Amino acid sequence: MDQVLDYADDRLIDGCIYCGDLAETRDHVPSRILLEPPYPENLPVVGACKECNQGFSSDEQYFVCLLESALVGSTNPDKIRRPSVARAMKRAPALRSRIELAKRNAGSQTIFDPEEERVRNVILKLARGHAAFELSQACREEPNHFLCCPTSMIDDYDTFEAAHIQSLVGEVGSRNMQRMKVMEAKIMSLSGKETVQNVIVNDWINVQEGYYHYLAVHDMEYIMIRIVIANYLACEVIWETDT
C-alpha cells in the first residue's frame, strides 16, 4: 500500500479508537489474519488499548475459519485454500467442530450459519479502524446501518463496488482527502446535451489482491465504510453525522 501521512488535527483521534482508553499499542487494520504472507508493506495501523487489541483475537480466528470453510463448503483443513487458516483449523479442533455443527445443506448448497454477534464484532472493528486511519474520525458509537452478506446477495454489485463521487471533501489533511482525485466526467442531460464537469473521485483501496479491499467515505451527513473480503463477503457500515 502507498504510505500516506496524516495531516489532520491529531485531537480528532484521542486514545484507543475502539473504546477511547489510553492507546498503549498499535493494531493493524485489516488484521494480518485476514491476509496471506508476504504481507503488503505499509499496512494501516491505529492506536488501541491492550484489552481491545487482544480482545478481538478469538472472534477474528473464528471469522476467518468460518469464511474459508464457507468458500470451500467444508471444515476439512486439507480443503481450505489458505495455508495459515488450514493450520489454525488443525490446531483448534474445538473451533472446527463448532463451525461444523453450524453446517447445513440447502439443496445442492452447503451453508454455514454464522454466529452473527462474533461476525459483527469483527466487521465493526475493521470499519472503525478504517474510519480512524483514512478519515481521521472516531466512530465508537453504534452505527446507523450495518450490512454483511455474500457478494452474490447484493442486488447491484457493480454499483456497490463503484468509486464514490464526493459531494463534499471530508476532514482537511486526512489520508482520504489526499487520496482523492479530480477527474472529468461526461454528463448527458435528458435533452441529450452532453457537458463535461470536474468531479472528485474517492476510490477503493486494494490491500491485497483477492483478499481484502475497502472504501472509506466521509460525505455530507454520513461516514460509510465498505469492505470486500476474499471477493466473497461484502460489508457496509454507516454512521450518520451532523455535518
Protein backbone atom coordinates (compact mmCIF):
# COMPACT_ATOMS: atom_id res chain seq x y z
CA MET A 1 0.00 0.00 0.00
CA ASP A 2 1.09 3.57 -0.63
CA GLN A 3 2.26 5.33 2.50
CA VAL A 4 0.23 8.49 3.09
CA LEU A 5 0.91 10.68 6.10
CA ASP A 6 -1.97 12.05 8.15
CA TYR A 7 -2.08 15.86 8.38
CA ALA A 8 -5.48 16.13 10.04
CA ASP A 9 -5.92 17.59 13.53
CA ASP A 10 -4.50 14.88 15.82
CA ARG A 11 -7.03 15.84 18.51
CA LEU A 12 -9.75 14.15 16.43
CA ILE A 13 -8.47 10.71 17.43
CA ASP A 14 -7.78 10.62 21.15
CA GLY A 15 -6.93 7.27 22.73
CA CYS A 16 -7.97 3.78 21.66
CA ILE A 17 -10.06 4.02 18.52
CA TYR A 18 -12.34 1.26 19.78
CA CYS A 19 -13.11 2.34 23.36
CA GLY A 20 -11.35 5.67 23.98
CA ASP A 21 -8.99 4.42 26.73
CA LEU A 22 -5.24 5.00 26.64
CA ALA A 23 -3.80 3.72 23.35
CA GLU A 24 -0.84 1.66 24.56
CA THR A 25 -0.44 -0.46 21.43
CA ARG A 26 -0.86 -0.36 17.67
CA ASP A 27 -3.32 -2.54 15.77
CA HIS A 28 -3.22 -3.45 12.07
CA VAL A 29 -6.34 -2.66 10.05
CA PRO A 30 -7.05 -5.04 8.45
CA SER A 31 -5.64 -7.62 10.83
CA ARG A 32 -2.95 -9.82 9.30
CA ILE A 33 -5.12 -12.87 9.99
CA LEU A 34 -7.25 -11.74 7.02
CA LEU A 35 -4.23 -11.67 4.69
CA GLU A 36 -1.60 -14.09 3.46
CA PRO A 37 2.19 -13.65 3.58
CA PRO A 38 4.09 -11.95 2.16
CA TYR A 39 2.08 -9.15 3.74
CA PRO A 40 1.71 -5.82 1.95
CA GLU A 41 4.04 -3.05 3.03
CA ASN A 42 2.71 -0.04 4.94
CA LEU A 43 -0.33 -1.79 6.37
CA PRO A 44 -2.56 0.74 8.19
CA VAL A 45 -2.09 0.83 11.96
CA VAL A 46 -4.25 2.56 14.56
CA GLY A 47 -3.91 3.20 18.27
CA ALA A 48 -5.57 0.67 20.57
CA CYS A 49 -5.52 -0.23 24.25
CA LYS A 50 -4.10 -3.64 25.19
CA GLU A 51 -7.51 -5.04 26.12
CA CYS A 52 -9.10 -4.16 22.77
CA ASN A 53 -6.04 -5.18 20.78
CA GLN A 54 -6.13 -8.65 22.31
CA GLY A 55 -9.88 -8.87 22.82
CA PHE A 56 -10.77 -9.39 19.16
CA SER A 57 -8.38 -12.30 18.56
CA SER A 58 -10.82 -15.11 19.30
CA ASP A 59 -13.59 -13.62 17.14
CA GLU A 60 -11.15 -12.94 14.30
CA GLN A 61 -9.90 -16.53 14.32
CA TYR A 62 -13.49 -17.77 14.30
CA PHE A 63 -14.32 -15.36 11.48
CA VAL A 64 -11.53 -16.40 9.11
CA CYS A 65 -12.09 -20.11 9.76
CA LEU A 66 -15.82 -19.73 9.11
CA LEU A 67 -15.19 -17.69 5.98
CA GLU A 68 -12.72 -20.14 4.48
CA SER A 69 -14.99 -23.08 5.34
CA ALA A 70 -17.88 -21.34 3.58
CA LEU A 71 -15.73 -20.73 0.49
CA VAL A 72 -14.94 -24.44 0.04
CA GLY A 73 -18.05 -25.91 1.68
CA SER A 74 -16.04 -27.89 4.21
CA THR A 75 -14.16 -27.61 7.51
CA ASN A 76 -11.59 -30.18 6.36
CA PRO A 77 -8.19 -28.43 6.69
CA ASP A 78 -6.93 -30.29 3.62
CA LYS A 79 -9.55 -28.47 1.53
CA ILE A 80 -9.02 -24.98 2.98
CA ARG A 81 -7.33 -22.76 0.39
CA ARG A 82 -5.32 -20.57 2.80
CA PRO A 83 -2.38 -22.40 4.43
CA SER A 84 -2.47 -20.22 7.56
CA VAL A 85 -6.18 -20.93 8.13
CA ALA A 86 -5.72 -24.66 7.44
CA ARG A 87 -3.05 -24.75 10.14
CA ALA A 88 -5.32 -22.87 12.54
CA MET A 89 -8.11 -25.39 11.94
CA LYS A 90 -5.75 -28.26 12.71
CA ARG A 91 -4.57 -26.58 15.92
CA ALA A 92 -8.10 -25.81 17.11
CA PRO A 93 -10.30 -28.94 16.77
CA ALA A 94 -12.92 -27.45 19.11
CA LEU A 95 -13.32 -24.45 16.82
CA ARG A 96 -13.54 -26.70 13.77
CA SER A 97 -16.26 -28.77 15.49
CA ARG A 98 -18.17 -25.63 16.38
CA ILE A 99 -18.17 -24.46 12.77
CA GLU A 100 -19.02 -27.98 11.54
CA LEU A 101 -22.10 -28.01 13.78
CA ALA A 102 -23.27 -24.84 12.07
CA LYS A 103 -23.20 -26.50 8.66
CA ARG A 104 -26.38 -27.43 6.86
CA ASN A 105 -27.39 -28.42 3.36
CA ALA A 106 -29.87 -26.41 1.33
CA GLY A 107 -30.46 -28.43 -1.81
CA SER A 108 -27.10 -28.65 -3.56
CA GLN A 109 -25.64 -25.85 -1.44
CA THR A 110 -23.65 -26.15 1.77
CA ILE A 111 -24.43 -23.30 4.16
CA PHE A 112 -22.74 -22.32 7.41
CA ASP A 113 -24.94 -20.38 9.82
CA PRO A 114 -22.67 -17.74 11.38
CA GLU A 115 -22.55 -16.62 14.98
CA GLU A 116 -23.76 -13.20 13.99
CA GLU A 117 -22.52 -11.27 17.01
CA ARG A 118 -18.96 -12.50 16.52
CA VAL A 119 -19.00 -11.63 12.83
CA ARG A 120 -20.44 -8.21 13.64
CA ASN A 121 -17.68 -7.59 16.21
CA VAL A 122 -15.00 -8.23 13.60
CA ILE A 123 -16.60 -6.11 10.86
CA LEU A 124 -17.24 -3.19 13.21
CA LYS A 125 -13.64 -3.36 14.39
CA LEU A 126 -12.44 -3.15 10.79
CA ALA A 127 -14.84 -0.33 9.92
CA ARG A 128 -13.84 1.72 12.96
CA GLY A 129 -10.17 1.19 12.11
CA HIS A 130 -10.62 2.39 8.53
CA ALA A 131 -12.66 5.41 9.67
CA ALA A 132 -9.87 6.39 12.07
CA PHE A 133 -6.95 5.76 9.72
CA GLU A 134 -8.41 7.10 6.47
CA LEU A 135 -10.94 9.71 7.62
CA SER A 136 -9.46 10.79 10.99
CA GLN A 137 -12.85 10.06 12.56
CA ALA A 138 -13.51 8.16 15.79
CA CYS A 139 -16.69 6.13 15.25
CA ARG A 140 -17.04 4.40 18.62
CA GLU A 141 -20.84 4.63 18.81
CA GLU A 142 -23.19 2.07 17.28
CA PRO A 143 -23.65 2.55 13.52
CA ASN A 144 -26.95 3.55 11.96
CA HIS A 145 -26.63 0.86 9.30
CA PHE A 146 -24.84 -2.49 9.18
CA LEU A 147 -24.69 -4.95 6.29
CA CYS A 148 -22.65 -8.13 5.95
CA CYS A 149 -23.54 -10.77 3.35
CA PRO A 150 -22.11 -12.71 0.40
CA THR A 151 -21.43 -10.54 -2.64
CA SER A 152 -23.92 -12.67 -4.59
CA MET A 153 -26.71 -11.28 -2.41
CA ILE A 154 -26.01 -7.64 -3.36
CA ASP A 155 -28.63 -6.69 -5.96
CA ASP A 156 -26.38 -4.26 -7.86
CA TYR A 157 -22.85 -5.30 -7.01
CA ASP A 158 -21.30 -3.13 -9.73
CA THR A 159 -22.75 -0.06 -8.01
CA PHE A 160 -21.59 -1.33 -4.61
CA GLU A 161 -18.02 -1.65 -5.90
CA ALA A 162 -18.00 1.62 -7.84
CA ALA A 163 -15.83 4.54 -6.79
CA HIS A 164 -17.64 7.22 -4.79
CA ILE A 165 -18.23 10.67 -6.26
CA GLN A 166 -17.80 13.14 -3.40
CA SER A 167 -20.25 15.97 -2.80
CA LEU A 168 -18.09 17.45 -0.04
CA VAL A 169 -14.49 16.86 0.98
CA GLY A 170 -14.08 15.33 4.46
CA GLU A 171 -11.53 16.21 7.13
CA VAL A 172 -8.83 18.54 5.80
CA GLY A 173 -5.45 16.79 5.77
CA SER A 174 -6.85 13.28 6.27
CA ARG A 175 -5.35 10.43 4.27
CA ASN A 176 -8.66 10.01 2.48
CA MET A 177 -8.64 13.62 1.30
CA GLN A 178 -5.11 13.21 -0.03
CA ARG A 179 -6.06 10.07 -1.97
CA MET A 180 -8.93 11.75 -3.82
CA LYS A 181 -8.59 12.60 -7.50
CA VAL A 182 -10.28 15.21 -9.67
CA MET A 183 -11.48 13.75 -12.95
CA GLU A 184 -13.51 14.90 -15.91
CA ALA A 185 -16.92 13.28 -16.34
CA LYS A 186 -19.28 13.49 -19.29
CA ILE A 187 -22.83 14.33 -18.21
CA MET A 188 -25.77 13.68 -20.53
CA SER A 189 -28.90 15.75 -19.92
CA LEU A 190 -32.44 14.50 -20.55
CA SER A 191 -32.47 16.55 -23.75
CA GLY A 192 -29.39 14.73 -24.98
CA LYS A 193 -26.93 17.57 -24.46
CA GLU A 194 -23.51 16.45 -23.31
CA THR A 195 -21.42 18.52 -20.91
CA VAL A 196 -18.08 17.91 -19.20
CA GLN A 197 -17.75 18.50 -15.46
CA ASN A 198 -14.96 18.03 -12.94
CA VAL A 199 -15.81 15.55 -10.18
CA ILE A 200 -13.96 14.45 -7.04
CA VAL A 201 -13.45 10.68 -7.09
CA ASN A 202 -12.91 8.64 -3.93
CA ASP A 203 -11.79 5.18 -4.98
CA TRP A 204 -11.34 1.79 -3.30
CA ILE A 205 -8.06 0.83 -1.64
CA ASN A 206 -6.73 -2.60 -2.55
CA VAL A 207 -4.83 -4.04 0.44
CA GLN A 208 -4.11 -7.49 -1.02
CA GLU A 209 -5.43 -8.75 -4.32
CA GLY A 210 -8.13 -11.38 -3.86
CA TYR A 211 -8.17 -11.00 -0.08
CA TYR A 212 -9.15 -7.51 1.01
CA HIS A 213 -10.17 -4.09 -0.34
CA TYR A 214 -12.15 -1.23 1.16
CA LEU A 215 -13.70 2.18 0.54
CA ALA A 216 -13.81 4.95 3.18
CA VAL A 217 -16.25 7.83 2.68
CA HIS A 218 -16.96 10.98 4.70
CA ASP A 219 -19.50 12.98 2.75
CA MET A 220 -22.41 15.31 3.56
CA GLU A 221 -24.08 13.82 6.66
CA TYR A 222 -22.59 10.34 6.90
CA ILE A 223 -19.47 8.22 7.22
CA MET A 224 -19.51 5.00 5.21
CA ILE A 225 -17.05 2.12 5.16
CA ARG A 226 -17.39 -0.62 2.56
CA ILE A 227 -15.26 -3.75 2.75
CA VAL A 228 -14.95 -6.78 0.48
CA ILE A 229 -13.17 -9.81 1.94
CA ALA A 230 -11.93 -12.72 -0.18
CA ASN A 231 -14.08 -11.42 -3.07
CA TYR A 232 -16.90 -13.22 -1.25
CA LEU A 233 -18.12 -11.15 1.69
CA ALA A 234 -19.49 -7.64 1.20
CA CYS A 235 -19.78 -5.34 4.22
CA GLU A 236 -21.15 -1.84 4.66
CA VAL A 237 -21.21 0.23 7.85
CA ILE A 238 -22.70 3.74 8.04
CA TRP A 239 -22.68 6.34 10.79
CA GLU A 240 -24.86 9.42 10.36
CA THR A 241 -23.17 12.69 11.23
CA ASP A 242 -24.26 16.28 11.83
CA THR A 243 -22.11 17.70 9.05
